[in-house]
């Protein structure tokens, strides 16, 4: 297992519903081990297995959930 951590900035995070949508959406993705969302700083930390998916895959999933990742 190639455990990796991605830190992503999503400026559209504004409320608890956003946090729940992101956590639920990403946790259901194969290879994602853990998701933490810091609503105040608009940061998402994703602990994932790089043998199953890439940071680009996670960014695409975020876009599918309606949240653009910047940077």
Protein backbone atom coordinates (compact mmCIF):
# COMPACT_ATOMS: atom_id res chain seq x y z
CA UNK A 1 0.00 0.00 0.00
CA UNK A 2 1.39 3.39 -1.05
CA UNK A 3 -0.21 5.60 1.57
CA UNK A 4 -0.24 9.24 0.49
CA UNK A 5 -1.74 12.46 1.82
CA UNK A 6 -3.17 15.17 -0.41
CA UNK A 7 -3.94 18.66 0.88
CA UNK A 8 -6.42 20.46 -1.34
CA UNK A 9 -7.85 23.99 -1.31
CA UNK A 10 -11.50 24.35 -2.32
CA UNK A 11 -12.71 27.96 -1.96
CA UNK A 12 -16.40 27.05 -2.35
CA UNK A 13 -16.54 25.31 1.05
CA UNK A 14 -18.81 27.51 3.12
CA UNK A 15 -20.99 25.43 5.46
CA UNK A 16 -21.47 22.17 7.32
CA UNK A 17 -23.45 20.77 4.37
CA UNK A 18 -20.38 21.29 2.16
CA UNK A 19 -18.24 19.43 4.69
CA UNK A 20 -20.69 16.49 4.82
CA UNK A 21 -21.01 16.32 1.03
CA UNK A 22 -17.24 16.22 0.57
CA UNK A 23 -16.60 13.71 3.36
CA UNK A 24 -19.40 11.40 2.20
CA UNK A 25 -18.45 11.68 -1.46
CA UNK A 26 -14.75 11.06 -0.99
CA UNK A 27 -15.02 8.35 1.66
CA UNK A 28 -17.05 6.30 -0.79
CA UNK A 29 -14.16 6.33 -3.27
CA UNK A 30 -12.10 3.11 -3.41
CA UNK A 31 -8.59 3.77 -2.10
CA UNK A 32 -9.57 6.71 0.13
CA UNK A 33 -8.67 5.89 3.74
CA UNK A 34 -9.67 9.11 5.53
CA UNK A 35 -11.00 12.60 4.76
CA UNK A 36 -10.85 15.70 6.93
CA UNK A 37 -12.32 19.06 5.95
CA UNK A 38 -11.33 22.36 7.58
CA UNK A 39 -14.30 24.58 6.74
CA UNK A 40 -12.70 27.79 8.04
CA UNK A 41 -9.54 27.42 5.95
CA UNK A 42 -11.34 25.67 3.05
CA UNK A 43 -8.80 22.83 3.12
CA UNK A 44 -9.37 19.14 2.56
CA UNK A 45 -6.88 16.52 3.72
CA UNK A 46 -7.25 13.16 2.01
CA UNK A 47 -5.34 10.10 3.16
CA UNK A 48 -5.37 7.63 0.26
CA UNK A 49 -3.68 4.62 -1.28
CA UNK A 50 -1.77 5.76 -4.38
CA UNK A 51 -1.85 2.18 -5.70
CA UNK A 52 -5.60 2.67 -6.31
CA UNK A 53 -5.96 6.31 -7.28
CA UNK A 54 -4.02 9.53 -7.83
CA UNK A 55 -4.40 13.07 -6.57
CA UNK A 56 -5.76 13.91 -10.03
CA UNK A 57 -8.49 11.30 -9.51
CA UNK A 58 -9.38 12.94 -6.20
CA UNK A 59 -9.49 16.37 -7.86
CA UNK A 60 -11.85 14.97 -10.52
CA UNK A 61 -14.07 13.47 -7.82
CA UNK A 62 -14.17 16.86 -6.05
CA UNK A 63 -15.29 18.47 -9.31
CA UNK A 64 -17.98 15.78 -9.69
CA UNK A 65 -19.15 16.71 -6.18
CA UNK A 66 -19.39 20.36 -7.25
CA UNK A 67 -16.23 21.73 -5.62
CA UNK A 68 -13.37 23.04 -7.70
CA UNK A 69 -9.89 22.52 -6.24
CA UNK A 70 -7.47 25.41 -6.70
CA UNK A 71 -3.69 25.05 -6.76
